[in-house]
Amino acid sequence: MGERVPGNELYSDAEEREDDHLSIVTLEEAPFVIVEDVDPLSGTCMRNTVPCRKQLKL
């Protein structure tokens, strides 16, 4: 007999199939990284943020 791989089984009835979907979400709140714009007055990164880069106009 061959190797059995999950998800490759054939079903005779759609009701026999289990719900095997996966959902991935991300949250925009601490401790996750939130990207902030550069402070328009000082041209530096905002307080309590990860190091940021100033956008250059080329």
N, C-alpha and C. Protein backbone atom coordinates (compact mmCIF):
# COMPACT_ATOMS: atom_id res chain seq x y z
N MET A 1 0.84 -1.17 0.00
CA MET A 1 0.00 0.00 0.00
C MET A 1 0.89 1.24 0.00
N GLY A 2 0.43 2.30 -0.67
CA GLY A 2 1.20 3.53 -0.78
C GLY A 2 1.14 4.37 0.49
N GLU A 3 1.91 5.42 0.47
CA GLU A 3 1.96 6.36 1.60
C GLU A 3 0.69 7.21 1.63
N ARG A 4 0.15 7.45 2.81
CA ARG A 4 -1.08 8.25 2.94
C ARG A 4 -0.70 9.67 3.36
N VAL A 5 -1.09 10.63 2.55
CA VAL A 5 -0.77 12.03 2.81
C VAL A 5 -2.04 12.75 3.22
N PRO A 6 -2.05 13.43 4.40
CA PRO A 6 -3.26 14.16 4.83
C PRO A 6 -3.68 15.19 3.79
N GLY A 7 -4.96 15.30 3.56
CA GLY A 7 -5.47 16.27 2.60
C GLY A 7 -5.66 15.72 1.20
N ASN A 8 -5.11 14.55 0.92
CA ASN A 8 -5.23 13.98 -0.42
C ASN A 8 -6.27 12.86 -0.48
N GLU A 9 -7.04 12.68 0.58
CA GLU A 9 -8.06 11.64 0.57
C GLU A 9 -9.22 12.06 -0.32
N LEU A 10 -9.87 11.09 -0.91
CA LEU A 10 -11.06 11.35 -1.72
C LEU A 10 -12.29 11.08 -0.86
N TYR A 11 -13.27 11.95 -0.95
CA TYR A 11 -14.49 11.81 -0.16
C TYR A 11 -15.67 11.58 -1.10
N SER A 12 -16.55 10.68 -0.71
CA SER A 12 -17.72 10.41 -1.53
C SER A 12 -18.82 11.42 -1.26
N ASP A 13 -18.76 12.08 -0.12
CA ASP A 13 -19.79 13.04 0.26
C ASP A 13 -19.11 14.27 0.88
N ALA A 14 -19.50 15.46 0.45
CA ALA A 14 -18.87 16.69 0.94
C ALA A 14 -19.05 16.86 2.45
N GLU A 15 -20.11 16.29 3.02
CA GLU A 15 -20.36 16.42 4.47
C GLU A 15 -19.34 15.64 5.30
N GLU A 16 -18.70 14.63 4.72
CA GLU A 16 -17.72 13.84 5.44
C GLU A 16 -16.40 14.60 5.61
N ARG A 17 -16.19 15.60 4.82
CA ARG A 17 -14.93 16.34 4.85
C ARG A 17 -14.89 17.28 6.05
N GLU A 18 -13.78 17.30 6.77
CA GLU A 18 -13.63 18.17 7.93
C GLU A 18 -13.21 19.56 7.47
N ASP A 19 -13.54 20.56 8.27
CA ASP A 19 -13.12 21.92 7.99
C ASP A 19 -11.66 22.04 8.40
N ASP A 20 -10.77 22.10 7.42
CA ASP A 20 -9.34 22.12 7.72
C ASP A 20 -8.68 23.40 7.20
N HIS A 21 -9.42 24.51 7.20
CA HIS A 21 -8.87 25.77 6.73
C HIS A 21 -8.06 26.43 7.85
N LEU A 22 -7.09 27.23 7.47
CA LEU A 22 -6.22 27.91 8.42
C LEU A 22 -6.30 29.41 8.18
N SER A 23 -6.49 30.17 9.23
CA SER A 23 -6.51 31.63 9.13
C SER A 23 -5.36 32.19 9.94
N ILE A 24 -4.67 33.17 9.37
CA ILE A 24 -3.56 33.83 10.05
C ILE A 24 -3.88 35.31 10.12
N VAL A 25 -3.73 35.89 11.30
CA VAL A 25 -3.99 37.31 11.48
C VAL A 25 -2.82 37.96 12.19
N THR A 26 -2.67 39.27 12.02
CA THR A 26 -1.68 40.04 12.76
C THR A 26 -2.39 41.19 13.45
N LEU A 27 -1.86 41.58 14.58
CA LEU A 27 -2.46 42.65 15.36
C LEU A 27 -1.52 43.85 15.38
N GLU A 28 -2.07 45.05 15.20
CA GLU A 28 -1.27 46.26 15.24
C GLU A 28 -1.32 46.86 16.64
N GLU A 29 -0.67 46.21 17.58
CA GLU A 29 -0.58 46.74 18.93
C GLU A 29 0.63 46.11 19.61
N ALA A 30 1.11 46.76 20.67
CA ALA A 30 2.27 46.24 21.38
C ALA A 30 2.00 44.81 21.81
N PRO A 31 2.96 43.93 21.74
CA PRO A 31 4.37 44.11 21.45
C PRO A 31 4.73 44.03 19.97
N PHE A 32 3.77 44.09 19.08
CA PHE A 32 4.06 44.01 17.66
C PHE A 32 4.68 45.32 17.17
N VAL A 33 5.43 45.26 16.09
CA VAL A 33 6.11 46.43 15.55
C VAL A 33 5.11 47.31 14.82
N ILE A 34 5.11 48.58 15.16
CA ILE A 34 4.26 49.56 14.49
C ILE A 34 5.18 50.54 13.78
N VAL A 35 4.97 50.71 12.50
CA VAL A 35 5.80 51.61 11.71
C VAL A 35 5.21 53.00 11.76
N GLU A 36 6.03 53.96 12.13
CA GLU A 36 5.59 55.35 12.22
C GLU A 36 6.38 56.20 11.22
N ASP A 37 5.78 57.29 10.79
CA ASP A 37 6.47 58.23 9.91
C ASP A 37 7.50 59.02 10.70
N VAL A 38 8.44 59.62 9.98
CA VAL A 38 9.44 60.49 10.58
C VAL A 38 8.75 61.75 11.09
N ASP A 39 9.20 62.26 12.24
CA ASP A 39 8.65 63.50 12.80
C ASP A 39 8.89 64.63 11.81
N PRO A 40 7.84 65.30 11.33
CA PRO A 40 8.00 66.34 10.31
C PRO A 40 8.77 67.57 10.80
N LEU A 41 8.75 67.85 12.10
CA LEU A 41 9.45 69.02 12.62
C LEU A 41 10.95 68.78 12.80
N SER A 42 11.29 67.65 13.39
CA SER A 42 12.70 67.37 13.68
C SER A 42 13.39 66.52 12.62
N GLY A 43 12.61 65.78 11.81
CA GLY A 43 13.20 64.90 10.80
C GLY A 43 13.78 63.63 11.40
N THR A 44 13.43 63.33 12.65
CA THR A 44 13.93 62.13 13.31
C THR A 44 12.79 61.17 13.61
N CYS A 45 13.15 60.00 14.12
CA CYS A 45 12.14 59.00 14.48
C CYS A 45 11.34 59.47 15.68
N MET A 46 10.08 59.06 15.70
CA MET A 46 9.22 59.39 16.83
C MET A 46 9.71 58.65 18.08
N ARG A 47 9.32 59.12 19.23
CA ARG A 47 9.69 58.51 20.50
C ARG A 47 9.07 57.11 20.62
N ASN A 48 9.79 56.19 21.26
CA ASN A 48 9.33 54.81 21.51
C ASN A 48 9.03 54.03 20.24
N THR A 49 9.81 54.21 19.20
CA THR A 49 9.63 53.44 17.97
C THR A 49 10.94 52.75 17.63
N VAL A 50 10.86 51.79 16.74
CA VAL A 50 12.08 51.15 16.25
C VAL A 50 12.77 52.13 15.31
N PRO A 51 14.09 51.97 15.09
CA PRO A 51 14.78 52.87 14.17
C PRO A 51 14.07 52.93 12.82
N CYS A 52 13.91 54.12 12.30
CA CYS A 52 13.22 54.29 11.02
C CYS A 52 14.14 54.97 10.02
N ARG A 53 13.72 54.99 8.77
CA ARG A 53 14.51 55.63 7.73
C ARG A 53 13.74 56.82 7.19
N LYS A 54 14.47 57.84 6.91
CA LYS A 54 13.87 59.02 6.31
C LYS A 54 13.71 58.74 4.81
N GLN A 55 12.54 59.03 4.26
CA GLN A 55 12.34 58.82 2.83
C GLN A 55 13.01 59.93 2.05
N LEU A 56 13.75 59.54 1.04
CA LEU A 56 14.44 60.50 0.20
C LEU A 56 13.69 60.69 -1.10
N LYS A 57 13.61 61.90 -1.56
CA LYS A 57 12.99 62.17 -2.86
C LYS A 57 14.09 62.12 -3.90
N LEU A 58 14.03 61.14 -4.77
CA LEU A 58 15.06 60.98 -5.81
C LEU A 58 14.58 61.50 -7.13
